[in-house]
Amino acid sequence: MNLHKPDVKITSAEEALQFLKEGNERFVKGELSTKDTYEEDRNTLSGGQVPYAIVLCCADSRVAPEIYFDQKLGDIFVIRNAGNVVDDVVLGSIEYGAEHLGSPLVVVVGHTSCGAVTAACSGGELPRNIQAIVKKIAPSVEEGKSVNEVAAANAKAMVEEILNDEIIQHLGTKVVPAVYDILTGEVSWL
């Protein structure tokens, strides 16, 4: 399905969430939609973007949301950093996507075998900037016994931070947590 055609317009968070779920099902089954329209998509998108969802996820090279949600250029507004943590810059990006681009949905996706979460669980001395990431994840360490449980707890904690944002509250933007399994490719909704 080409989401850039004028007859396909996603306006609600529920529709956006369903599109992401269906895309992940296609990915897991190995039945990805055709994406051979890059030139057409670039031309269409050169006039602006209208992504239907915002995805905050880890910078890990194994977890590309455009792929595991089976989406095309311009469909999702992606923010990536180690550990999918929220800070002022990330919140500003989310606010921009929700307020100025009109995305009705934010999804925070943690993932299994996350290196940033592993570092938070392990403790110890780390370089200053990596320590800043670990510090954001640290409160979630008490919520789980394994790295994967902590990754899920961290996704939920980041959702709570986003939900406390005044602009997100004012807009009524839906914010949901999820975890991507790097082995199966399945996204579990928390």
Protein backbone atom coordinates (compact mmCIF):
# COMPACT_ATOMS: atom_id res chain seq x y z
CA MET A 1 0.00 0.00 0.00
CA ASN A 2 1.36 3.42 -0.92
CA LEU A 3 0.72 5.69 2.04
CA HIS A 4 1.60 8.76 0.00
CA LYS A 5 -1.48 8.59 -2.21
CA PRO A 6 -4.09 11.21 -1.38
CA ASP A 7 -6.76 8.55 -0.77
CA VAL A 8 -4.80 7.08 2.17
CA LYS A 9 -4.73 9.45 5.13
CA ILE A 10 -4.14 8.30 8.67
CA THR A 11 -5.55 10.78 11.15
CA SER A 12 -6.01 8.89 14.41
CA ALA A 13 -3.59 7.26 16.80
CA GLU A 14 -5.59 4.03 16.59
CA GLU A 15 -5.23 3.89 12.80
CA ALA A 16 -1.52 4.66 13.06
CA LEU A 17 -0.99 1.95 15.66
CA GLN A 18 -2.87 -0.57 13.52
CA PHE A 19 -0.68 0.31 10.50
CA LEU A 20 2.46 -0.28 12.56
CA LYS A 21 1.12 -3.60 13.88
CA GLU A 22 0.22 -4.78 10.38
CA GLY A 23 3.63 -3.70 9.09
CA ASN A 24 5.40 -5.65 11.81
CA GLU A 25 3.30 -8.73 11.03
CA ARG A 26 4.40 -8.49 7.38
CA PHE A 27 8.03 -8.12 8.46
CA VAL A 28 7.90 -11.14 10.78
CA LYS A 29 6.30 -13.24 8.01
CA GLY A 30 8.82 -12.02 5.43
CA GLU A 31 6.03 -10.53 3.32
CA LEU A 32 7.25 -6.96 3.04
CA SER A 33 5.36 -4.51 0.86
CA THR A 34 6.96 -3.28 -2.34
CA LYS A 35 9.22 -0.28 -1.87
CA ASP A 36 10.53 0.22 -5.38
CA THR A 37 9.06 3.72 -5.65
CA TYR A 38 11.92 5.61 -3.98
CA GLU A 39 12.26 8.18 -6.77
CA GLU A 40 8.52 8.84 -6.75
CA ASP A 41 8.51 8.99 -2.95
CA ARG A 42 11.42 11.45 -2.87
CA ASN A 43 9.64 13.67 -5.39
CA THR A 44 6.40 13.53 -3.40
CA LEU A 45 8.14 14.18 -0.10
CA SER A 46 10.30 17.04 -1.40
CA GLY A 47 7.33 19.31 -0.71
CA GLY A 48 7.10 18.29 2.95
CA GLN A 49 6.42 15.43 5.28
CA VAL A 50 3.31 14.19 7.05
CA PRO A 51 4.43 11.15 9.06
CA TYR A 52 1.58 9.39 10.82
CA ALA A 53 3.65 8.22 13.80
CA ILE A 54 6.69 9.20 15.82
CA VAL A 55 9.00 6.37 16.85
CA LEU A 56 11.65 6.75 19.56
CA CYS A 57 13.99 3.78 19.45
CA CYS A 58 17.55 2.73 20.11
CA ALA A 59 20.41 3.63 17.78
CA ASP A 60 21.41 -0.06 17.67
CA SER A 61 22.08 -0.97 14.02
CA ARG A 62 19.92 -4.10 14.33
CA VAL A 63 16.71 -2.22 15.09
CA ALA A 64 15.61 -0.05 12.15
CA PRO A 65 11.92 0.82 12.63
CA GLU A 66 11.29 1.68 8.99
CA ILE A 67 12.18 -1.94 8.25
CA TYR A 68 10.58 -3.83 11.16
CA PHE A 69 7.38 -1.80 10.78
CA ASP A 70 7.55 -2.22 6.96
CA GLN A 71 7.15 1.49 6.22
CA LYS A 72 8.16 3.76 3.37
CA LEU A 73 10.01 7.06 3.28
CA GLY A 74 7.97 9.72 5.00
CA ASP A 75 5.66 7.38 6.93
CA ILE A 76 7.26 7.59 10.38
CA PHE A 77 9.24 10.30 12.15
CA VAL A 78 12.12 8.44 13.78
CA ILE A 79 14.23 9.58 16.74
CA ARG A 80 17.10 7.27 17.65
CA ASN A 81 19.63 7.24 20.46
CA ALA A 82 21.39 4.64 22.57
CA GLY A 83 18.89 3.20 25.03
CA ASN A 84 15.91 5.09 23.53
CA VAL A 85 16.13 7.61 26.36
CA VAL A 86 14.27 10.90 26.68
CA ASP A 87 16.00 14.22 27.27
CA ASP A 88 15.16 17.81 26.29
CA VAL A 89 16.40 17.35 22.72
CA VAL A 90 14.34 14.19 22.24
CA LEU A 91 11.27 15.85 23.78
CA GLY A 92 11.73 18.79 21.45
CA SER A 93 11.83 16.42 18.48
CA ILE A 94 8.71 14.61 19.68
CA GLU A 95 6.92 17.93 20.22
CA TYR A 96 7.87 18.98 16.69
CA GLY A 97 6.54 15.73 15.22
CA ALA A 98 3.29 15.93 17.17
CA GLU A 99 2.58 19.65 16.95
CA HIS A 100 4.05 20.73 13.63
CA LEU A 101 3.86 17.52 11.60
CA GLY A 102 0.56 16.39 13.13
CA SER A 103 1.57 12.85 14.11
CA PRO A 104 -1.10 11.53 16.50
CA LEU A 105 0.99 8.64 17.89
CA VAL A 106 4.34 8.26 19.66
CA VAL A 107 5.81 4.77 20.09
CA VAL A 108 8.79 4.18 22.37
CA VAL A 109 10.48 0.95 21.29
CA GLY A 110 13.05 -0.76 23.49
CA HIS A 111 14.68 -3.96 22.27
CA THR A 112 16.09 -7.23 23.47
CA SER A 113 19.85 -7.51 24.03
CA CYS A 114 20.24 -3.73 24.30
CA GLY A 115 23.83 -2.67 24.97
CA ALA A 116 22.84 0.52 26.78
CA VAL A 117 20.51 -1.42 29.07
CA THR A 118 23.22 -4.04 29.61
CA ALA A 119 25.59 -1.26 30.68
CA ALA A 120 22.98 0.10 33.10
CA CYS A 121 22.46 -3.37 34.58
CA SER A 122 26.21 -4.01 34.90
CA GLY A 123 27.14 -0.77 36.60
CA GLY A 124 30.76 0.31 36.88
CA GLU A 125 32.78 3.20 35.55
CA LEU A 126 31.88 4.53 32.13
CA PRO A 127 32.90 7.56 30.07
CA ARG A 128 30.93 10.68 31.02
CA ASN A 129 28.58 10.79 28.03
CA ILE A 130 27.80 7.07 28.14
CA GLN A 131 27.20 7.45 31.88
CA ALA A 132 24.54 10.08 31.07
CA ILE A 133 22.64 7.46 29.04
CA VAL A 134 23.03 4.82 31.74
CA LYS A 135 21.81 7.29 34.38
CA LYS A 136 18.52 7.69 32.46
CA ILE A 137 18.05 3.91 32.29
CA ALA A 138 19.18 3.17 35.88
CA PRO A 139 15.77 3.65 37.57
CA SER A 140 14.38 0.85 35.38
CA VAL A 141 17.05 -1.61 36.54
CA GLU A 142 15.06 -2.22 39.73
CA GLU A 143 12.00 -3.12 37.62
CA GLY A 144 13.45 -6.23 35.99
CA LYS A 145 15.66 -9.22 36.61
CA SER A 146 17.01 -9.55 33.07
CA VAL A 147 18.30 -7.11 30.47
CA ASN A 148 15.16 -7.72 28.40
CA GLU A 149 12.85 -7.02 31.35
CA VAL A 150 14.76 -3.82 32.08
CA ALA A 151 14.49 -2.79 28.40
CA ALA A 152 10.70 -3.14 28.68
CA ALA A 153 10.64 -1.21 31.96
CA ASN A 154 12.79 1.52 30.40
CA ALA A 155 10.42 1.87 27.42
CA LYS A 156 7.51 2.28 29.87
CA ALA A 157 9.47 4.83 31.93
CA MET A 158 10.28 6.88 28.83
CA VAL A 159 6.59 6.83 27.86
CA GLU A 160 5.77 8.31 31.27
CA GLU A 161 8.29 11.11 30.72
CA ILE A 162 6.77 11.92 27.34
CA LEU A 163 3.24 11.85 28.75
CA ASN A 164 4.28 14.50 31.30
CA ASP A 165 5.18 16.92 28.51
CA GLU A 166 2.78 19.89 28.35
CA ILE A 167 2.54 19.94 24.56
CA ILE A 168 1.88 16.19 24.33
CA GLN A 169 -0.81 16.55 27.01
CA HIS A 170 -2.36 19.56 25.28
CA LEU A 171 -2.48 17.76 21.93
CA GLY A 172 -3.77 14.52 23.45
CA THR A 173 -1.08 12.59 21.59
CA LYS A 174 -1.21 8.85 22.28
CA VAL A 175 2.09 7.44 23.61
CA VAL A 176 2.69 3.69 23.83
CA PRO A 177 5.62 1.46 24.82
CA ALA A 178 6.83 -1.57 22.89
CA VAL A 179 9.79 -3.95 22.71
CA TYR A 180 11.39 -5.28 19.53
CA ASP A 181 12.80 -8.82 19.68
CA ILE A 182 16.00 -8.85 17.62
CA LEU A 183 15.80 -12.64 17.19
CA THR A 184 12.19 -13.01 15.98
CA GLY A 185 11.60 -9.51 14.59
CA GLU A 186 8.34 -9.26 16.54
CA VAL A 187 7.27 -6.09 18.28
CA SER A 188 5.47 -6.72 21.58
CA TRP A 189 3.13 -3.97 22.71
CA LEU A 190 3.34 -3.27 26.45
